[in-house]
Amino acid sequence: AAFLPLHFWALAQALHGPERLDGFLRWTEQPLVRLAEIGLVLLLAAHLTGGLRLLMLEFLAWREWHKTLLAAAAGTSLAAALMFALNVV
């Protein structure tokens, strides 16, 4: 929830000139900010895959393999975060 106001604030920096936006973008290159971005991607991917899993449980007939959907959702989330992390670093 804290990401959106920070995101809009960062976009607003461009209205005040390219120097302020460049300063903010330099700040985002810090390791802690990069780690927070990776965490955000992980949480967004977990939210997406968890929602897809719930939709499958809701609209498909119950089968034994549904209990493996949680593992698939978690694995997909971790894979998305890892791909983002490897691209960021």
PDB file of N, CA and C in Angstrom:
ATOM      1  N   ALA A   1       0.828  -1.192   0.000  1.00  0.00           N
ATOM      2  CA  ALA A   1       0.000   0.000   0.000  1.00  0.00           C
ATOM      3  C   ALA A   1       0.873   1.255   0.000  1.00  0.00           C
ATOM      4  N   ALA A   2       2.054   1.171   0.560  1.00  0.00           N
ATOM      5  CA  ALA A   2       2.930   2.342   0.602  1.00  0.00           C
ATOM      6  C   ALA A   2       3.581   2.612  -0.747  1.00  0.00           C
ATOM      7  N   PHE A   3       3.549   1.642  -1.626  1.00  0.00           N
ATOM      8  CA  PHE A   3       4.210   1.810  -2.918  1.00  0.00           C
ATOM      9  C   PHE A   3       3.516   2.846  -3.793  1.00  0.00           C
ATOM     10  N   LEU A   4       2.197   2.829  -3.841  1.00  0.00           N
ATOM     11  CA  LEU A   4       1.484   3.721  -4.757  1.00  0.00           C
ATOM     12  C   LEU A   4       1.719   5.199  -4.464  1.00  0.00           C
ATOM     13  N   PRO A   5       1.604   5.666  -3.223  1.00  0.00           N
ATOM     14  CA  PRO A   5       1.907   7.089  -2.999  1.00  0.00           C
ATOM     15  C   PRO A   5       3.353   7.444  -3.358  1.00  0.00           C
ATOM     16  N   LEU A   6       4.283   6.559  -3.052  1.00  0.00           N
ATOM     17  CA  LEU A   6       5.680   6.803  -3.406  1.00  0.00           C
ATOM     18  C   LEU A   6       5.849   6.830  -4.929  1.00  0.00           C
ATOM     19  N   HIS A   7       5.145   5.962  -5.611  1.00  0.00           N
ATOM     20  CA  HIS A   7       5.200   5.915  -7.070  1.00  0.00           C
ATOM     21  C   HIS A   7       4.669   7.226  -7.671  1.00  0.00           C
ATOM     22  N   PHE A   8       3.527   7.691  -7.167  1.00  0.00           N
ATOM     23  CA  PHE A   8       2.965   8.936  -7.684  1.00  0.00           C
ATOM     24  C   PHE A   8       3.859  10.128  -7.343  1.00  0.00           C
ATOM     25  N   TRP A   9       4.478  10.111  -6.165  1.00  0.00           N
ATOM     26  CA  TRP A   9       5.408  11.173  -5.795  1.00  0.00           C
ATOM     27  C   TRP A   9       6.603  11.180  -6.744  1.00  0.00           C
ATOM     28  N   ALA A  10       7.095   9.998  -7.087  1.00  0.00           N
ATOM     29  CA  ALA A  10       8.229   9.908  -8.013  1.00  0.00           C
ATOM     30  C   ALA A  10       7.847  10.455  -9.386  1.00  0.00           C
ATOM     31  N   LEU A  11       6.657  10.145  -9.844  1.00  0.00           N
ATOM     32  CA  LEU A  11       6.211  10.680 -11.128  1.00  0.00           C
ATOM     33  C   LEU A  11       6.056  12.193 -11.078  1.00  0.00           C
ATOM     34  N   ALA A  12       5.641  12.707  -9.933  1.00  0.00           N
ATOM     35  CA  ALA A  12       5.482  14.147  -9.786  1.00  0.00           C
ATOM     36  C   ALA A  12       6.831  14.869  -9.833  1.00  0.00           C
ATOM     37  N   GLN A  13       7.906  14.170  -9.509  1.00  0.00           N
ATOM     38  CA  GLN A  13       9.228  14.791  -9.566  1.00  0.00           C
ATOM     39  C   GLN A  13       9.575  15.213 -10.987  1.00  0.00           C
ATOM     40  N   ALA A  14       9.058  14.516 -11.958  1.00  0.00           N
ATOM     41  CA  ALA A  14       9.314  14.877 -13.357  1.00  0.00           C
ATOM     42  C   ALA A  14       8.685  16.213 -13.708  1.00  0.00           C
ATOM     43  N   LEU A  15       7.617  16.601 -13.002  1.00  0.00           N
ATOM     44  CA  LEU A  15       6.974  17.890 -13.268  1.00  0.00           C
ATOM     45  C   LEU A  15       7.824  19.051 -12.770  1.00  0.00           C
ATOM     46  N   HIS A  16       8.709  18.774 -11.817  1.00  0.00           N
ATOM     47  CA  HIS A  16       9.555  19.820 -11.250  1.00  0.00           C
ATOM     48  C   HIS A  16      10.895  19.931 -11.964  1.00  0.00           C
ATOM     49  N   GLY A  17      11.101  19.142 -12.961  1.00  0.00           N
ATOM     50  CA  GLY A  17      12.331  19.243 -13.738  1.00  0.00           C
ATOM     51  C   GLY A  17      13.093  17.934 -13.769  1.00  0.00           C
ATOM     52  N   PRO A  18      13.899  17.761 -14.798  1.00  0.00           N
ATOM     53  CA  PRO A  18      14.633  16.498 -14.945  1.00  0.00           C
ATOM     54  C   PRO A  18      15.686  16.286 -13.850  1.00  0.00           C
ATOM     55  N   GLU A  19      16.195  17.366 -13.256  1.00  0.00           N
ATOM     56  CA  GLU A  19      17.209  17.195 -12.214  1.00  0.00           C
ATOM     57  C   GLU A  19      16.637  16.513 -10.981  1.00  0.00           C
ATOM     58  N   ARG A  20      15.429  16.898 -10.592  1.00  0.00           N
ATOM     59  CA  ARG A  20      14.812  16.273  -9.417  1.00  0.00           C
ATOM     60  C   ARG A  20      14.469  14.812  -9.678  1.00  0.00           C
ATOM     61  N   LEU A  21      13.997  14.528 -10.884  1.00  0.00           N
ATOM     62  CA  LEU A  21      13.694  13.136 -11.221  1.00  0.00           C
ATOM     63  C   LEU A  21      14.973  12.310 -11.258  1.00  0.00           C
ATOM     64  N   ASP A  22      16.036  12.865 -11.832  1.00  0.00           N
ATOM     65  CA  ASP A  22      17.311  12.143 -11.865  1.00  0.00           C
ATOM     66  C   ASP A  22      17.834  11.882 -10.455  1.00  0.00           C
ATOM     67  N   GLY A  23      17.668  12.849  -9.562  1.00  0.00           N
ATOM     68  CA  GLY A  23      18.081  12.649  -8.174  1.00  0.00           C
ATOM     69  C   GLY A  23      17.308  11.524  -7.508  1.00  0.00           C
ATOM     70  N   PHE A  24      16.012  11.479  -7.766  1.00  0.00           N
ATOM     71  CA  PHE A  24      15.206  10.396  -7.193  1.00  0.00           C
ATOM     72  C   PHE A  24      15.612   9.053  -7.784  1.00  0.00           C
ATOM     73  N   LEU A  25      15.851   9.022  -9.078  1.00  0.00           N
ATOM     74  CA  LEU A  25      16.235   7.755  -9.708  1.00  0.00           C
ATOM     75  C   LEU A  25      17.601   7.278  -9.213  1.00  0.00           C
ATOM     76  N   ARG A  26      18.498   8.202  -8.902  1.00  0.00           N
ATOM     77  CA  ARG A  26      19.783   7.804  -8.300  1.00  0.00           C
ATOM     78  C   ARG A  26      19.559   7.203  -6.916  1.00  0.00           C
ATOM     79  N   TRP A  27      18.600   7.767  -6.167  1.00  0.00           N
ATOM     80  CA  TRP A  27      18.287   7.235  -4.840  1.00  0.00           C
ATOM     81  C   TRP A  27      17.763   5.798  -4.934  1.00  0.00           C
ATOM     82  N   THR A  28      17.029   5.492  -5.993  1.00  0.00           N
ATOM     83  CA  THR A  28      16.454   4.148  -6.124  1.00  0.00           C
ATOM     84  C   THR A  28      17.485   3.080  -6.449  1.00  0.00           C
ATOM     85  N   GLU A  29      18.718   3.475  -6.714  1.00  0.00           N
ATOM     86  CA  GLU A  29      19.762   2.493  -7.006  1.00  0.00           C
ATOM     87  C   GLU A  29      20.409   1.932  -5.747  1.00  0.00           C
ATOM     88  N   GLN A  30      19.968   2.361  -4.578  1.00  0.00           N
ATOM     89  CA  GLN A  30      20.508   1.840  -3.320  1.00  0.00           C
ATOM     90  C   GLN A  30      20.097   0.387  -3.142  1.00  0.00           C
ATOM     91  N   PRO A  31      20.958  -0.414  -2.509  1.00  0.00           N
ATOM     92  CA  PRO A  31      20.651  -1.845  -2.343  1.00  0.00           C
ATOM     93  C   PRO A  31      19.359  -2.108  -1.567  1.00  0.00           C
ATOM     94  N   LEU A  32      19.076  -1.316  -0.548  1.00  0.00           N
ATOM     95  CA  LEU A  32      17.854  -1.540   0.225  1.00  0.00           C
ATOM     96  C   LEU A  32      16.604  -1.277  -0.613  1.00  0.00           C
ATOM     97  N   VAL A  33      16.673  -0.270  -1.472  1.00  0.00           N
ATOM     98  CA  VAL A  33      15.537   0.020  -2.360  1.00  0.00           C
ATOM     99  C   VAL A  33      15.369  -1.105  -3.372  1.00  0.00           C
ATOM    100  N   ARG A  34      16.477  -1.613  -3.896  1.00  0.00           N
ATOM    101  CA  ARG A  34      16.407  -2.737  -4.846  1.00  0.00           C
ATOM    102  C   ARG A  34      15.798  -3.968  -4.174  1.00  0.00           C
ATOM    103  N   LEU A  35      16.201  -4.221  -2.935  1.00  0.00           N
ATOM    104  CA  LEU A  35      15.649  -5.359  -2.189  1.00  0.00           C
ATOM    105  C   LEU A  35      14.144  -5.183  -1.965  1.00  0.00           C
ATOM    106  N   ALA A  36      13.740  -3.950  -1.667  1.00  0.00           N
ATOM    107  CA  ALA A  36      12.314  -3.680  -1.482  1.00  0.00           C
ATOM    108  C   ALA A  36      11.542  -3.897  -2.787  1.00  0.00           C
ATOM    109  N   GLU A  37      12.134  -3.533  -3.913  1.00  0.00           N
ATOM    110  CA  GLU A  37      11.483  -3.770  -5.210  1.00  0.00           C
ATOM    111  C   GLU A  37      11.297  -5.257  -5.458  1.00  0.00           C
ATOM    112  N   ILE A  38      12.323  -6.033  -5.143  1.00  0.00           N
ATOM    113  CA  ILE A  38      12.225  -7.483  -5.330  1.00  0.00           C
ATOM    114  C   ILE A  38      11.133  -8.052  -4.438  1.00  0.00           C
ATOM    115  N   GLY A  39      11.081  -7.582  -3.196  1.00  0.00           N
ATOM    116  CA  GLY A  39      10.020  -8.026  -2.287  1.00  0.00           C
ATOM    117  C   GLY A  39       8.643  -7.655  -2.797  1.00  0.00           C
ATOM    118  N   LEU A  40       8.522  -6.463  -3.365  1.00  0.00           N
ATOM    119  CA  LEU A  40       7.240  -6.032  -3.911  1.00  0.00           C
ATOM    120  C   LEU A  40       6.818  -6.915  -5.077  1.00  0.00           C
ATOM    121  N   VAL A  41       7.750  -7.239  -5.955  1.00  0.00           N
ATOM    122  CA  VAL A  41       7.439  -8.119  -7.083  1.00  0.00           C
ATOM    123  C   VAL A  41       7.027  -9.502  -6.577  1.00  0.00           C
ATOM    124  N   LEU A  42       7.722 -10.004  -5.559  1.00  0.00           N
ATOM    125  CA  LEU A  42       7.359 -11.301  -4.982  1.00  0.00           C
ATOM    126  C   LEU A  42       5.940 -11.267  -4.428  1.00  0.00           C
ATOM    127  N   LEU A  43       5.605 -10.224  -3.694  1.00  0.00           N
ATOM    128  CA  LEU A  43       4.261 -10.139  -3.117  1.00  0.00           C
ATOM    129  C   LEU A  43       3.180  -9.972  -4.191  1.00  0.00           C
ATOM    130  N   LEU A  44       3.468  -9.193  -5.216  1.00  0.00           N
ATOM    131  CA  LEU A  44       2.491  -9.045  -6.302  1.00  0.00           C
ATOM    132  C   LEU A  44       2.298 -10.347  -7.073  1.00  0.00           C
ATOM    133  N   ALA A  45       3.393 -11.078  -7.299  1.00  0.00           N
ATOM    134  CA  ALA A  45       3.281 -12.361  -7.990  1.00  0.00           C
ATOM    135  C   ALA A  45       2.529 -13.370  -7.124  1.00  0.00           C
ATOM    136  N   ALA A  46       2.774 -13.348  -5.816  1.00  0.00           N
ATOM    137  CA  ALA A  46       2.050 -14.251  -4.911  1.00  0.00           C
ATOM    138  C   ALA A  46       0.560 -13.917  -4.905  1.00  0.00           C
ATOM    139  N   HIS A  47       0.243 -12.635  -4.932  1.00  0.00           N
ATOM    140  CA  HIS A  47      -1.159 -12.218  -4.967  1.00  0.00           C
ATOM    141  C   HIS A  47      -1.834 -12.681  -6.261  1.00  0.00           C
ATOM    142  N   LEU A  48      -1.136 -12.516  -7.377  1.00  0.00           N
ATOM    143  CA  LEU A  48      -1.672 -12.944  -8.667  1.00  0.00           C
ATOM    144  C   LEU A  48      -1.867 -14.455  -8.720  1.00  0.00           C
ATOM    145  N   THR A  49      -0.834 -15.212  -8.389  1.00  0.00           N
ATOM    146  CA  THR A  49      -0.951 -16.669  -8.503  1.00  0.00           C
ATOM    147  C   THR A  49      -1.905 -17.246  -7.462  1.00  0.00           C
ATOM    148  N   GLY A  50      -1.958 -16.636  -6.287  1.00  0.00           N
ATOM    149  CA  GLY A  50      -2.933 -17.087  -5.287  1.00  0.00           C
ATOM    150  C   GLY A  50      -4.355 -16.842  -5.752  1.00  0.00           C
ATOM    151  N   GLY A  51      -4.584 -15.708  -6.392  1.00  0.00           N
ATOM    152  CA  GLY A  51      -5.916 -15.423  -6.931  1.00  0.00           C
ATOM    153  C   GLY A  51      -6.307 -16.373  -8.044  1.00  0.00           C
ATOM    154  N   LEU A  52      -5.348 -16.686  -8.907  1.00  0.00           N
ATOM    155  CA  LEU A  52      -5.633 -17.665  -9.963  1.00  0.00           C
ATOM    156  C   LEU A  52      -5.950 -19.034  -9.379  1.00  0.00           C
ATOM    157  N   ARG A  53      -5.219 -19.405  -8.328  1.00  0.00           N
ATOM    158  CA  ARG A  53      -5.471 -20.681  -7.671  1.00  0.00           C
ATOM    159  C   ARG A  53      -6.887 -20.714  -7.087  1.00  0.00           C
ATOM    160  N   LEU A  54      -7.291 -19.616  -6.448  1.00  0.00           N
ATOM    161  CA  LEU A  54      -8.640 -19.565  -5.884  1.00  0.00           C
ATOM    162  C   LEU A  54      -9.709 -19.621  -6.966  1.00  0.00           C
ATOM    163  N   LEU A  55      -9.463 -18.972  -8.096  1.00  0.00           N
ATOM    164  CA  LEU A  55     -10.423 -19.046  -9.204  1.00  0.00           C
ATOM    165  C   LEU A  55     -10.553 -20.473  -9.717  1.00  0.00           C
ATOM    166  N   MET A  56      -9.434 -21.183  -9.795  1.00  0.00           N
ATOM    167  CA  MET A  56      -9.494 -22.568 -10.243  1.00  0.00           C
ATOM    168  C   MET A  56     -10.262 -23.428  -9.242  1.00  0.00           C
ATOM    169  N   LEU A  57     -10.047 -23.184  -7.957  1.00  0.00           N
ATOM    170  CA  LEU A  57     -10.777 -23.945  -6.947  1.00  0.00           C
ATOM    171  C   LEU A  57     -12.272 -23.648  -7.004  1.00  0.00           C
ATOM    172  N   GLU A  58     -12.613 -22.422  -7.307  1.00  0.00           N
ATOM    173  CA  GLU A  58     -14.008 -22.015  -7.320  1.00  0.00           C
ATOM    174  C   GLU A  58     -14.757 -22.544  -8.537  1.00  0.00           C
ATOM    175  N   PHE A  59     -14.123 -22.499  -9.703  1.00  0.00           N
ATOM    176  CA  PHE A  59     -14.857 -22.781 -10.929  1.00  0.00           C
ATOM    177  C   PHE A  59     -14.617 -24.165 -11.518  1.00  0.00           C
ATOM    178  N   LEU A  60     -13.639 -24.886 -11.045  1.00  0.00           N
ATOM    179  CA  LEU A  60     -13.391 -26.230 -11.542  1.00  0.00           C
ATOM    180  C   LEU A  60     -13.894 -27.254 -10.526  1.00  0.00           C
ATOM    181  N   ALA A  61     -14.227 -28.424 -11.017  1.00  0.00           N
ATOM    182  CA  ALA A  61     -14.673 -29.481 -10.110  1.00  0.00           C
ATOM    183  C   ALA A  61     -13.503 -29.891  -9.206  1.00  0.00           C
ATOM    184  N   TRP A  62     -13.816 -30.248  -7.967  1.00  0.00           N
ATOM    185  CA  TRP A  62     -12.772 -30.603  -7.002  1.00  0.00           C
ATOM    186  C   TRP A  62     -12.056 -31.878  -7.421  1.00  0.00           C
ATOM    187  N   ARG A  63     -10.773 -31.814  -7.453  1.00  0.00           N
ATOM    188  CA  ARG A  63      -9.930 -32.964  -7.769  1.00  0.00           C
ATOM    189  C   ARG A  63      -8.825 -33.038  -6.737  1.00  0.00           C
ATOM    190  N   GLU A  64      -8.170 -34.157  -6.668  1.00  0.00           N
ATOM    191  CA  GLU A  64      -7.066 -34.344  -5.728  1.00  0.00           C
ATOM    192  C   GLU A  64      -5.889 -33.435  -6.030  1.00  0.00           C
ATOM    193  N   TRP A  65      -5.702 -33.088  -7.289  1.00  0.00           N
ATOM    194  CA  TRP A  65      -4.543 -32.275  -7.650  1.00  0.00           C
ATOM    195  C   TRP A  65      -4.676 -30.821  -7.233  1.00  0.00           C
ATOM    196  N   HIS A  66      -5.833 -30.411  -6.736  1.00  0.00           N
ATOM    197  CA  HIS A  66      -6.004 -29.024  -6.319  1.00  0.00           C
ATOM    198  C   HIS A  66      -5.064 -28.657  -5.177  1.00  0.00           C
ATOM    199  N   LYS A  67      -4.728 -29.625  -4.342  1.00  0.00           N
ATOM    200  CA  LYS A  67      -3.826 -29.286  -3.235  1.00  0.00           C
ATOM    201  C   LYS A  67      -2.416 -28.973  -3.730  1.00  0.00           C
ATOM    202  N   THR A  68      -2.084 -29.372  -4.933  1.00  0.00           N
ATOM    203  CA  THR A  68      -0.776 -29.017  -5.492  1.00  0.00           C
ATOM    204  C   THR A  68      -0.776 -27.625  -6.123  1.00  0.00           C
ATOM    205  N   LEU A  69      -1.964 -27.031  -6.274  1.00  0.00           N
ATOM    206  CA  LEU A  69      -2.027 -25.689  -6.845  1.00  0.00           C
ATOM    207  C   LEU A  69      -1.311 -24.663  -5.969  1.00  0.00           C
ATOM    208  N   LEU A  70      -1.361 -24.867  -4.659  1.00  0.00           N
ATOM    209  CA  LEU A  70      -0.672 -23.944  -3.767  1.00  0.00           C
ATOM    210  C   LEU A  70       0.829 -23.980  -4.013  1.00  0.00           C
ATOM    211  N   ALA A  71       1.386 -25.162  -4.169  1.00  0.00           N
ATOM    212  CA  ALA A  71       2.818 -25.282  -4.454  1.00  0.00           C
ATOM    213  C   ALA A  71       3.152 -24.671  -5.815  1.00  0.00           C
ATOM    214  N   ALA A  72       2.290 -24.870  -6.780  1.00  0.00           N
ATOM    215  CA  ALA A  72       2.530 -24.278  -8.103  1.00  0.00           C
ATOM    216  C   ALA A  72       2.457 -22.753  -8.036  1.00  0.00           C
ATOM    217  N   ALA A  73       1.508 -22.233  -7.276  1.00  0.00           N
ATOM    218  CA  ALA A  73       1.387 -20.781  -7.132  1.00  0.00           C
ATOM    219  C   ALA A  73       2.620 -20.208  -6.442  1.00  0.00           C
ATOM    220  N   ALA A  74       3.081 -20.858  -5.393  1.00  0.00           N
ATOM    221  CA  ALA A  74       4.271 -20.384  -4.679  1.00  0.00           C
ATOM    222  C   ALA A  74       5.512 -20.463  -5.565  1.00  0.00           C
ATOM    223  N   GLY A  75       5.647 -21.543  -6.303  1.00  0.00           N
ATOM    224  CA  GLY A  75       6.793 -21.690  -7.198  1.00  0.00           C
ATOM    225  C   GLY A  75       6.804 -20.653  -8.302  1.00  0.00           C
ATOM    226  N   THR A  76       5.639 -20.374  -8.861  1.00  0.00           N
ATOM    227  CA  THR A  76       5.548 -19.356  -9.907  1.00  0.00           C
ATOM    228  C   THR A  76       5.883 -17.975  -9.353  1.00  0.00           C
ATOM    229  N   SER A  77       5.415 -17.685  -8.147  1.00  0.00           N
ATOM    230  CA  SER A  77       5.717 -16.401  -7.518  1.00  0.00           C
ATOM    231  C   SER A  77       7.210 -16.250  -7.281  1.00  0.00           C
ATOM    232  N   LEU A  78       7.831 -17.275  -6.751  1.00  0.00           N
ATOM    233  CA  LEU A  78       9.268 -17.219  -6.506  1.00  0.00           C
ATOM    234  C   LEU A  78      10.053 -17.105  -7.809  1.00  0.00           C
ATOM    235  N   ALA A  79       9.608 -17.790  -8.844  1.00  0.00           N
ATOM    236  CA  ALA A  79      10.284 -17.699 -10.135  1.00  0.00           C
ATOM    237  C   ALA A  79      10.195 -16.283 -10.699  1.00  0.00           C
ATOM    238  N   ALA A  80       9.032 -15.651 -10.581  1.00  0.00           N
ATOM    239  CA  ALA A  80       8.875 -14.281 -11.079  1.00  0.00           C
ATOM    240  C   ALA A  80       9.777 -13.319 -10.318  1.00  0.00           C
ATOM    241  N   ALA A  81       9.833 -13.470  -8.997  1.00  0.00           N
ATOM    242  CA  ALA A  81      10.695 -12.601  -8.194  1.00  0.00           C
ATOM    243  C   ALA A  81      12.166 -12.845  -8.506  1.00  0.00           C
ATOM    244  N   LEU A  82      12.536 -14.085  -8.735  1.00  0.00           N
ATOM    245  CA  LEU A  82      13.929 -14.397  -9.058  1.00  0.00           C
ATOM    246  C   LEU A  82      14.312 -13.817 -10.417  1.00  0.00           C
ATOM    247  N   MET A  83      13.431 -13.929 -11.389  1.00  0.00           N
ATOM    248  CA  MET A  83      13.721 -13.357 -12.703  1.00  0.00           C
ATOM    249  C   MET A  83      13.872 -11.829 -12.600  1.00  0.00           C
ATOM    250  N   PHE A  84      13.016 -11.201 -11.804  1.00  0.00           N
ATOM    251  CA  PHE A  84      13.130  -9.759 -11.617  1.00  0.00           C
ATOM    252  C   PHE A  84      14.433  -9.415 -10.907  1.00  0.00           C
ATOM    253  N   ALA A  85      14.768 -10.176  -9.877  1.00  0.00           N
ATOM    254  CA  ALA A  85      15.987  -9.913  -9.124  1.00  0.00           C
ATOM    255  C   ALA A  85      17.226 -10.071  -9.999  1.00  0.00           C
ATOM    256  N   LEU A  86      17.249 -11.067 -10.834  1.00  0.00           N
ATOM    257  CA  LEU A  86      18.396 -11.263 -11.700  1.00  0.00           C
ATOM    258  C   LEU A  86      18.515 -10.160 -12.740  1.00  0.00           C
ATOM    259  N   ASN A  87      17.394  -9.601 -13.145  1.00  0.00           N
ATOM    260  CA  ASN A  87      17.413  -8.501 -14.097  1.00  0.00           C
ATOM    261  C   ASN A  87      17.809  -7.197 -13.427  1.00  0.00           C
ATOM    262  N   VAL A  88      17.462  -7.032 -12.158  1.00  0.00           N
ATOM    263  CA  VAL A  88      17.746  -5.790 -11.424  1.00  0.00           C
ATOM    264  C   VAL A  88      19.212  -5.696 -11.062  1.00  0.00           C
ATOM    265  N   VAL A  89      19.775  -6.794 -10.620  1.00  0.00           N
ATOM    266  CA  VAL A  89      21.164  -6.770 -10.125  1.00  0.00           C
ATOM    267  C   VAL A  89      22.144  -6.673 -11.209  1.00  0.00           C
TER     268      VAL A  89
END
